[in-house]
Amino acid sequence: MPKYLKKVQVLLTETQYKNLEEIASTQKKKLGTLVREAVEEYHIKKKKEREIAEAADRILSMPEVPAPENWEEWEKEYLENKYSCR
């Protein structure tokens, strides 16, 4: 179980608080757990999705490189260059 080290104070309207209490009670969870799950699902998950999409865009925008005609030759040359640069 993660160790929670940071505290966040949030002000809610009476209606928001009552609704969250009701949901937490129905799901048999603590209010803090419900809020952490909401933050994770909504904000953090979307951030990770954006980062993945941006990485994919960067990969897809890379210049095209022709495939080697002879794979064995290319691999041999690649390995020689890889280890000779050290």
PDB file of N, CA and C in Angstrom:
ATOM      1  N   MET A   1       0.847  -1.183   0.000  1.00  0.00           N
ATOM      2  CA  MET A   1       0.000   0.000   0.000  1.00  0.00           C
ATOM      3  C   MET A   1       0.889   1.241   0.000  1.00  0.00           C
ATOM      4  N   PRO A   2       0.588   2.213  -0.868  1.00  0.00           N
ATOM      5  CA  PRO A   2       1.424   3.409  -0.941  1.00  0.00           C
ATOM      6  C   PRO A   2       1.367   4.201   0.368  1.00  0.00           C
ATOM      7  N   LYS A   3       2.454   4.886   0.653  1.00  0.00           N
ATOM      8  CA  LYS A   3       2.501   5.745   1.827  1.00  0.00           C
ATOM      9  C   LYS A   3       2.213   7.166   1.349  1.00  0.00           C
ATOM     10  N   TYR A   4       1.136   7.720   1.851  1.00  0.00           N
ATOM     11  CA  TYR A   4       0.743   9.067   1.436  1.00  0.00           C
ATOM     12  C   TYR A   4       1.514  10.083   2.258  1.00  0.00           C
ATOM     13  N   LEU A   5       2.233  10.974   1.576  1.00  0.00           N
ATOM     14  CA  LEU A   5       3.102  11.923   2.245  1.00  0.00           C
ATOM     15  C   LEU A   5       2.667  13.374   2.073  1.00  0.00           C
ATOM     16  N   LYS A   6       1.863  13.648   1.086  1.00  0.00           N
ATOM     17  CA  LYS A   6       1.469  15.023   0.793  1.00  0.00           C
ATOM     18  C   LYS A   6      -0.015  15.210   1.090  1.00  0.00           C
ATOM     19  N   LYS A   7      -0.323  16.362   1.644  1.00  0.00           N
ATOM     20  CA  LYS A   7      -1.696  16.671   2.018  1.00  0.00           C
ATOM     21  C   LYS A   7      -2.200  17.801   1.131  1.00  0.00           C
ATOM     22  N   VAL A   8      -3.461  17.684   0.709  1.00  0.00           N
ATOM     23  CA  VAL A   8      -4.099  18.715  -0.100  1.00  0.00           C
ATOM     24  C   VAL A   8      -5.398  19.099   0.586  1.00  0.00           C
ATOM     25  N   GLN A   9      -5.632  20.371   0.708  1.00  0.00           N
ATOM     26  CA  GLN A   9      -6.882  20.833   1.301  1.00  0.00           C
ATOM     27  C   GLN A   9      -7.771  21.336   0.177  1.00  0.00           C
ATOM     28  N   VAL A  10      -9.016  20.851   0.171  1.00  0.00           N
ATOM     29  CA  VAL A  10      -9.961  21.217  -0.877  1.00  0.00           C
ATOM     30  C   VAL A  10     -11.242  21.715  -0.228  1.00  0.00           C
ATOM     31  N   LEU A  11     -11.734  22.833  -0.701  1.00  0.00           N
ATOM     32  CA  LEU A  11     -13.009  23.348  -0.209  1.00  0.00           C
ATOM     33  C   LEU A  11     -14.105  22.955  -1.187  1.00  0.00           C
ATOM     34  N   LEU A  12     -15.174  22.382  -0.665  1.00  0.00           N
ATOM     35  CA  LEU A  12     -16.305  21.939  -1.478  1.00  0.00           C
ATOM     36  C   LEU A  12     -17.575  22.636  -1.017  1.00  0.00           C
ATOM     37  N   THR A  13     -18.534  22.684  -1.911  1.00  0.00           N
ATOM     38  CA  THR A  13     -19.843  23.178  -1.486  1.00  0.00           C
ATOM     39  C   THR A  13     -20.492  22.101  -0.618  1.00  0.00           C
ATOM     40  N   GLU A  14     -21.497  22.488   0.092  1.00  0.00           N
ATOM     41  CA  GLU A  14     -22.211  21.529   0.938  1.00  0.00           C
ATOM     42  C   GLU A  14     -22.776  20.390   0.090  1.00  0.00           C
ATOM     43  N   THR A  15     -23.315  20.730  -1.063  1.00  0.00           N
ATOM     44  CA  THR A  15     -23.891  19.719  -1.961  1.00  0.00           C
ATOM     45  C   THR A  15     -22.823  18.767  -2.471  1.00  0.00           C
ATOM     46  N   GLN A  16     -21.688  19.295  -2.897  1.00  0.00           N
ATOM     47  CA  GLN A  16     -20.590  18.442  -3.368  1.00  0.00           C
ATOM     48  C   GLN A  16     -20.152  17.478  -2.281  1.00  0.00           C
ATOM     49  N   TYR A  17     -20.001  18.011  -1.067  1.00  0.00           N
ATOM     50  CA  TYR A  17     -19.545  17.178   0.045  1.00  0.00           C
ATOM     51  C   TYR A  17     -20.556  16.077   0.362  1.00  0.00           C
ATOM     52  N   LYS A  18     -21.829  16.420   0.404  1.00  0.00           N
ATOM     53  CA  LYS A  18     -22.870  15.423   0.698  1.00  0.00           C
ATOM     54  C   LYS A  18     -22.906  14.350  -0.382  1.00  0.00           C
ATOM     55  N   ASN A  19     -22.776  14.768  -1.636  1.00  0.00           N
ATOM     56  CA  ASN A  19     -22.761  13.791  -2.736  1.00  0.00           C
ATOM     57  C   ASN A  19     -21.568  12.852  -2.622  1.00  0.00           C
ATOM     58  N   LEU A  20     -20.392  13.400  -2.320  1.00  0.00           N
ATOM     59  CA  LEU A  20     -19.202  12.559  -2.167  1.00  0.00           C
ATOM     60  C   LEU A  20     -19.337  11.616  -0.972  1.00  0.00           C
ATOM     61  N   GLU A  21     -19.888  12.115   0.117  1.00  0.00           N
ATOM     62  CA  GLU A  21     -20.114  11.252   1.280  1.00  0.00           C
ATOM     63  C   GLU A  21     -21.049  10.095   0.932  1.00  0.00           C
ATOM     64  N   GLU A  22     -22.076  10.392   0.187  1.00  0.00           N
ATOM     65  CA  GLU A  22     -23.037   9.357  -0.222  1.00  0.00           C
ATOM     66  C   GLU A  22     -22.369   8.312  -1.106  1.00  0.00           C
ATOM     67  N   ILE A  23     -21.589   8.774  -2.077  1.00  0.00           N
ATOM     68  CA  ILE A  23     -20.879   7.855  -2.976  1.00  0.00           C
ATOM     69  C   ILE A  23     -19.897   7.001  -2.183  1.00  0.00           C
ATOM     70  N   ALA A  24     -19.133   7.646  -1.299  1.00  0.00           N
ATOM     71  CA  ALA A  24     -18.152   6.917  -0.491  1.00  0.00           C
ATOM     72  C   ALA A  24     -18.839   5.868   0.370  1.00  0.00           C
ATOM     73  N   SER A  25     -19.963   6.223   0.948  1.00  0.00           N
ATOM     74  CA  SER A  25     -20.705   5.283   1.790  1.00  0.00           C
ATOM     75  C   SER A  25     -21.221   4.110   0.966  1.00  0.00           C
ATOM     76  N   THR A  26     -21.765   4.408  -0.201  1.00  0.00           N
ATOM     77  CA  THR A  26     -22.295   3.362  -1.085  1.00  0.00           C
ATOM     78  C   THR A  26     -21.192   2.395  -1.507  1.00  0.00           C
ATOM     79  N   GLN A  27     -20.013   2.943  -1.802  1.00  0.00           N
ATOM     80  CA  GLN A  27     -18.894   2.119  -2.258  1.00  0.00           C
ATOM     81  C   GLN A  27     -18.063   1.569  -1.094  1.00  0.00           C
ATOM     82  N   LYS A  28     -18.465   1.905   0.125  1.00  0.00           N
ATOM     83  CA  LYS A  28     -17.741   1.466   1.333  1.00  0.00           C
ATOM     84  C   LYS A  28     -16.259   1.859   1.276  1.00  0.00           C
ATOM     85  N   LYS A  29     -16.059   3.125   0.939  1.00  0.00           N
ATOM     86  CA  LYS A  29     -14.708   3.676   0.864  1.00  0.00           C
ATOM     87  C   LYS A  29     -14.641   4.934   1.702  1.00  0.00           C
ATOM     88  N   LYS A  30     -13.435   5.295   2.090  1.00  0.00           N
ATOM     89  CA  LYS A  30     -13.234   6.563   2.776  1.00  0.00           C
ATOM     90  C   LYS A  30     -13.307   7.684   1.754  1.00  0.00           C
ATOM     91  N   LEU A  31     -13.682   8.854   2.227  1.00  0.00           N
ATOM     92  CA  LEU A  31     -13.799  10.016   1.352  1.00  0.00           C
ATOM     93  C   LEU A  31     -12.457  10.331   0.674  1.00  0.00           C
ATOM     94  N   GLY A  32     -11.356  10.250   1.434  1.00  0.00           N
ATOM     95  CA  GLY A  32     -10.026  10.503   0.870  1.00  0.00           C
ATOM     96  C   GLY A  32      -9.672   9.543  -0.246  1.00  0.00           C
ATOM     97  N   THR A  33     -10.056   8.271  -0.070  1.00  0.00           N
ATOM     98  CA  THR A  33      -9.799   7.266  -1.097  1.00  0.00           C
ATOM     99  C   THR A  33     -10.557   7.618  -2.374  1.00  0.00           C
ATOM    100  N   LEU A  34     -11.802   8.019  -2.198  1.00  0.00           N
ATOM    101  CA  LEU A  34     -12.630   8.392  -3.344  1.00  0.00           C
ATOM    102  C   LEU A  34     -12.014   9.567  -4.101  1.00  0.00           C
ATOM    103  N   VAL A  35     -11.527  10.560  -3.367  1.00  0.00           N
ATOM    104  CA  VAL A  35     -10.915  11.738  -3.997  1.00  0.00           C
ATOM    105  C   VAL A  35      -9.620  11.350  -4.702  1.00  0.00           C
ATOM    106  N   ARG A  36      -8.781  10.519  -4.056  1.00  0.00           N
ATOM    107  CA  ARG A  36      -7.535  10.085  -4.702  1.00  0.00           C
ATOM    108  C   ARG A  36      -7.817   9.319  -5.985  1.00  0.00           C
ATOM    109  N   GLU A  37      -8.812   8.439  -5.951  1.00  0.00           N
ATOM    110  CA  GLU A  37      -9.167   7.678  -7.164  1.00  0.00           C
ATOM    111  C   GLU A  37      -9.642   8.597  -8.272  1.00  0.00           C
ATOM    112  N   ALA A  38     -10.410   9.614  -7.912  1.00  0.00           N
ATOM    113  CA  ALA A  38     -10.907  10.561  -8.923  1.00  0.00           C
ATOM    114  C   ALA A  38      -9.757  11.341  -9.547  1.00  0.00           C
ATOM    115  N   VAL A  39      -8.821  11.774  -8.724  1.00  0.00           N
ATOM    116  CA  VAL A  39      -7.652  12.512  -9.230  1.00  0.00           C
ATOM    117  C   VAL A  39      -6.841  11.615 -10.163  1.00  0.00           C
ATOM    118  N   GLU A  40      -6.614  10.385  -9.726  1.00  0.00           N
ATOM    119  CA  GLU A  40      -5.841   9.431 -10.539  1.00  0.00           C
ATOM    120  C   GLU A  40      -6.534   9.166 -11.871  1.00  0.00           C
ATOM    121  N   GLU A  41      -7.819   8.868 -11.814  1.00  0.00           N
ATOM    122  CA  GLU A  41      -8.567   8.488 -13.021  1.00  0.00           C
ATOM    123  C   GLU A  41      -8.722   9.656 -13.987  1.00  0.00           C
ATOM    124  N   TYR A  42      -8.984  10.825 -13.470  1.00  0.00           N
ATOM    125  CA  TYR A  42      -9.281  11.944 -14.360  1.00  0.00           C
ATOM    126  C   TYR A  42      -8.024  12.685 -14.803  1.00  0.00           C
ATOM    127  N   HIS A  43      -7.247  13.169 -13.867  1.00  0.00           N
ATOM    128  CA  HIS A  43      -6.122  14.029 -14.238  1.00  0.00           C
ATOM    129  C   HIS A  43      -4.853  13.259 -14.588  1.00  0.00           C
ATOM    130  N   ILE A  44      -4.459  12.334 -13.742  1.00  0.00           N
ATOM    131  CA  ILE A  44      -3.183  11.650 -13.957  1.00  0.00           C
ATOM    132  C   ILE A  44      -3.266  10.713 -15.156  1.00  0.00           C
ATOM    133  N   LYS A  45      -4.376  10.004 -15.293  1.00  0.00           N
ATOM    134  CA  LYS A  45      -4.547   9.107 -16.445  1.00  0.00           C
ATOM    135  C   LYS A  45      -4.530   9.904 -17.746  1.00  0.00           C
ATOM    136  N   LYS A  46      -5.212  11.045 -17.777  1.00  0.00           N
ATOM    137  CA  LYS A  46      -5.234  11.876 -18.990  1.00  0.00           C
ATOM    138  C   LYS A  46      -3.841  12.422 -19.307  1.00  0.00           C
ATOM    139  N   LYS A  47      -3.074  12.775 -18.259  1.00  0.00           N
ATOM    140  CA  LYS A  47      -1.704  13.265 -18.467  1.00  0.00           C
ATOM    141  C   LYS A  47      -0.852  12.178 -19.114  1.00  0.00           C
ATOM    142  N   LYS A  48      -0.958  10.948 -18.601  1.00  0.00           N
ATOM    143  CA  LYS A  48      -0.193   9.836 -19.171  1.00  0.00           C
ATOM    144  C   LYS A  48      -0.603   9.579 -20.617  1.00  0.00           C
ATOM    145  N   GLU A  49      -1.904   9.660 -20.899  1.00  0.00           N
ATOM    146  CA  GLU A  49      -2.384   9.454 -22.272  1.00  0.00           C
ATOM    147  C   GLU A  49      -1.820  10.526 -23.203  1.00  0.00           C
ATOM    148  N   ARG A  50      -1.777  11.785 -22.735  1.00  0.00           N
ATOM    149  CA  ARG A  50      -1.208  12.865 -23.550  1.00  0.00           C
ATOM    150  C   ARG A  50       0.273  12.625 -23.814  1.00  0.00           C
ATOM    151  N   GLU A  51       1.007  12.196 -22.795  1.00  0.00           N
ATOM    152  CA  GLU A  51       2.436  11.932 -22.959  1.00  0.00           C
ATOM    153  C   GLU A  51       2.679  10.814 -23.961  1.00  0.00           C
ATOM    154  N   ILE A  52       1.860   9.766 -23.909  1.00  0.00           N
ATOM    155  CA  ILE A  52       1.995   8.652 -24.853  1.00  0.00           C
ATOM    156  C   ILE A  52       1.689   9.134 -26.264  1.00  0.00           C
ATOM    157  N   ALA A  53       0.630   9.928 -26.428  1.00  0.00           N
ATOM    158  CA  ALA A  53       0.261  10.449 -27.746  1.00  0.00           C
ATOM    159  C   ALA A  53       1.365  11.343 -28.303  1.00  0.00           C
ATOM    160  N   GLU A  54       1.955  12.181 -27.442  1.00  0.00           N
ATOM    161  CA  GLU A  54       3.046  13.050 -27.888  1.00  0.00           C
ATOM    162  C   GLU A  54       4.268  12.237 -28.304  1.00  0.00           C
ATOM    163  N   ALA A  55       4.567  11.186 -27.566  1.00  0.00           N
ATOM    164  CA  ALA A  55       5.709  10.326 -27.913  1.00  0.00           C
ATOM    165  C   ALA A  55       5.456   9.637 -29.255  1.00  0.00           C
ATOM    166  N   ALA A  56       4.232   9.160 -29.455  1.00  0.00           N
ATOM    167  CA  ALA A  56       3.888   8.519 -30.726  1.00  0.00           C
ATOM    168  C   ALA A  56       4.013   9.517 -31.875  1.00  0.00           C
ATOM    169  N   ASP A  57       3.554  10.743 -31.665  1.00  0.00           N
ATOM    170  CA  ASP A  57       3.672  11.777 -32.698  1.00  0.00           C
ATOM    171  C   ASP A  57       5.138  12.049 -33.037  1.00  0.00           C
ATOM    172  N   ARG A  58       5.994  12.094 -32.000  1.00  0.00           N
ATOM    173  CA  ARG A  58       7.425  12.327 -32.255  1.00  0.00           C
ATOM    174  C   ARG A  58       8.027  11.181 -33.060  1.00  0.00           C
ATOM    175  N   ILE A  59       7.648   9.956 -32.713  1.00  0.00           N
ATOM    176  CA  ILE A  59       8.164   8.789 -33.444  1.00  0.00           C
ATOM    177  C   ILE A  59       7.689   8.825 -34.890  1.00  0.00           C
ATOM    178  N   LEU A  60       6.407   9.118 -35.090  1.00  0.00           N
ATOM    179  CA  LEU A  60       5.858   9.129 -36.448  1.00  0.00           C
ATOM    180  C   LEU A  60       6.379  10.283 -37.291  1.00  0.00           C
ATOM    181  N   SER A  61       6.889  11.332 -36.646  1.00  0.00           N
ATOM    182  CA  SER A  61       7.405  12.463 -37.411  1.00  0.00           C
ATOM    183  C   SER A  61       8.900  12.322 -37.725  1.00  0.00           C
ATOM    184  N   MET A  62       9.505  11.237 -37.278  1.00  0.00           N
ATOM    185  CA  MET A  62      10.922  11.011 -37.569  1.00  0.00           C
ATOM    186  C   MET A  62      11.100  10.749 -39.066  1.00  0.00           C
ATOM    187  N   PRO A  63      12.239  11.140 -39.589  1.00  0.00           N
ATOM    188  CA  PRO A  63      12.457  10.904 -41.029  1.00  0.00           C
ATOM    189  C   PRO A  63      12.514   9.404 -41.331  1.00  0.00           C
ATOM    190  N   GLU A  64      12.062   9.074 -42.517  1.00  0.00           N
ATOM    191  CA  GLU A  64      12.059   7.680 -42.952  1.00  0.00           C
ATOM    192  C   GLU A  64      13.489   7.216 -43.223  1.00  0.00           C
ATOM    193  N   VAL A  65      13.789   6.009 -42.816  1.00  0.00           N
ATOM    194  CA  VAL A  65      15.120   5.432 -43.036  1.00  0.00           C
ATOM    195  C   VAL A  65      14.931   4.180 -43.887  1.00  0.00           C
ATOM    196  N   PRO A  66      15.680   4.068 -44.969  1.00  0.00           N
ATOM    197  CA  PRO A  66      15.501   2.890 -45.826  1.00  0.00           C
ATOM    198  C   PRO A  66      15.955   1.612 -45.113  1.00  0.00           C
ATOM    199  N   ALA A  67      15.268   0.539 -45.408  1.00  0.00           N
ATOM    200  CA  ALA A  67      15.636  -0.762 -44.844  1.00  0.00           C
ATOM    201  C   ALA A  67      16.920  -1.242 -45.512  1.00  0.00           C
ATOM    202  N   PRO A  68      17.800  -1.900 -44.752  1.00  0.00           N
ATOM    203  CA  PRO A  68      19.044  -2.399 -45.356  1.00  0.00           C
ATOM    204  C   PRO A  68      18.745  -3.512 -46.363  1.00  0.00           C
ATOM    205  N   GLU A  69      19.534  -3.548 -47.428  1.00  0.00           N
ATOM    206  CA  GLU A  69      19.345  -4.590 -48.445  1.00  0.00           C
ATOM    207  C   GLU A  69      19.791  -5.944 -47.918  1.00  0.00           C
ATOM    208  N   ASN A  70      20.860  -5.951 -47.135  1.00  0.00           N
ATOM    209  CA  ASN A  70      21.368  -7.198 -46.593  1.00  0.00           C
ATOM    210  C   ASN A  70      21.434  -7.056 -45.074  1.00  0.00           C
ATOM    211  N   TRP A  71      20.508  -7.700 -44.397  1.00  0.00           N
ATOM    212  CA  TRP A  71      20.387  -7.554 -42.951  1.00  0.00           C
ATOM    213  C   TRP A  71      21.646  -8.007 -42.213  1.00  0.00           C
ATOM    214  N   GLU A  72      22.215  -9.125 -42.592  1.00  0.00           N
ATOM    215  CA  GLU A  72      23.391  -9.646 -41.895  1.00  0.00           C
ATOM    216  C   GLU A  72      24.569  -8.678 -42.010  1.00  0.00           C
ATOM    217  N   GLU A  73      24.760  -8.128 -43.189  1.00  0.00           N
ATOM    218  CA  GLU A  73      25.843  -7.157 -43.394  1.00  0.00           C
ATOM    219  C   GLU A  73      25.609  -5.912 -42.555  1.00  0.00           C
ATOM    220  N   TRP A  74      24.377  -5.429 -42.596  1.00  0.00           N
ATOM    221  CA  TRP A  74      24.043  -4.229 -41.835  1.00  0.00           C
ATOM    222  C   TRP A  74      24.265  -4.462 -40.345  1.00  0.00           C
ATOM    223  N   GLU A  75      23.823  -5.603 -39.824  1.00  0.00           N
ATOM    224  CA  GLU A  75      23.965  -5.907 -38.407  1.00  0.00           C
ATOM    225  C   GLU A  75      25.440  -5.978 -38.011  1.00  0.00           C
ATOM    226  N   LYS A  76      26.240  -6.624 -38.847  1.00  0.00           N
ATOM    227  CA  LYS A  76      27.681  -6.751 -38.575  1.00  0.00           C
ATOM    228  C   LYS A  76      28.316  -5.358 -38.514  1.00  0.00           C
ATOM    229  N   GLU A  77      28.014  -4.523 -39.488  1.00  0.00           N
ATOM    230  CA  GLU A  77      28.560  -3.167 -39.535  1.00  0.00           C
ATOM    231  C   GLU A  77      28.064  -2.347 -38.334  1.00  0.00           C
ATOM    232  N   TYR A  78      26.796  -2.494 -38.004  1.00  0.00           N
ATOM    233  CA  TYR A  78      26.226  -1.770 -36.873  1.00  0.00           C
ATOM    234  C   TYR A  78      26.946  -2.139 -35.576  1.00  0.00           C
ATOM    235  N   LEU A  79      27.117  -3.430 -35.350  1.00  0.00           N
ATOM    236  CA  LEU A  79      27.767  -3.883 -34.119  1.00  0.00           C
ATOM    237  C   LEU A  79      29.224  -3.448 -34.049  1.00  0.00           C
ATOM    238  N   GLU A  80      29.914  -3.482 -35.191  1.00  0.00           N
ATOM    239  CA  GLU A  80      31.308  -3.021 -35.211  1.00  0.00           C
ATOM    240  C   GLU A  80      31.390  -1.542 -34.844  1.00  0.00           C
ATOM    241  N   ASN A  81      30.515  -0.745 -35.420  1.00  0.00           N
ATOM    242  CA  ASN A  81      30.512   0.698 -35.129  1.00  0.00           C
ATOM    243  C   ASN A  81      30.068   0.973 -33.694  1.00  0.00           C
ATOM    244  N   LYS A  82      29.130   0.215 -33.240  1.00  0.00           N
ATOM    245  CA  LYS A  82      28.601   0.416 -31.880  1.00  0.00           C
ATOM    246  C   LYS A  82      29.690   0.219 -30.837  1.00  0.00           C
ATOM    247  N   TYR A  83      30.478  -0.835 -30.989  1.00  0.00           N
ATOM    248  CA  TYR A  83      31.465  -1.145 -29.973  1.00  0.00           C
ATOM    249  C   TYR A  83      32.816  -0.477 -30.229  1.00  0.00           C
ATOM    250  N   SER A  84      33.049   0.053 -31.428  1.00  0.00           N
ATOM    251  CA  SER A  84      34.322   0.705 -31.700  1.00  0.00           C
ATOM    252  C   SER A  84      34.320   2.157 -31.214  1.00  0.00           C
ATOM    253  N   CYS A  85      33.175   2.706 -30.907  1.00  0.00           N
ATOM    254  CA  CYS A  85      33.080   4.102 -30.461  1.00  0.00           C
ATOM    255  C   CYS A  85      33.375   4.274 -28.987  1.00  0.00           C
ATOM    256  N   ARG A  86      33.551   3.227 -28.271  1.00  0.00           N
ATOM    257  CA  ARG A  86      33.777   3.328 -26.815  1.00  0.00           C
ATOM    258  C   ARG A  86      35.174   3.554 -26.441  1.00  0.00           C
TER     259      ARG A  86
END
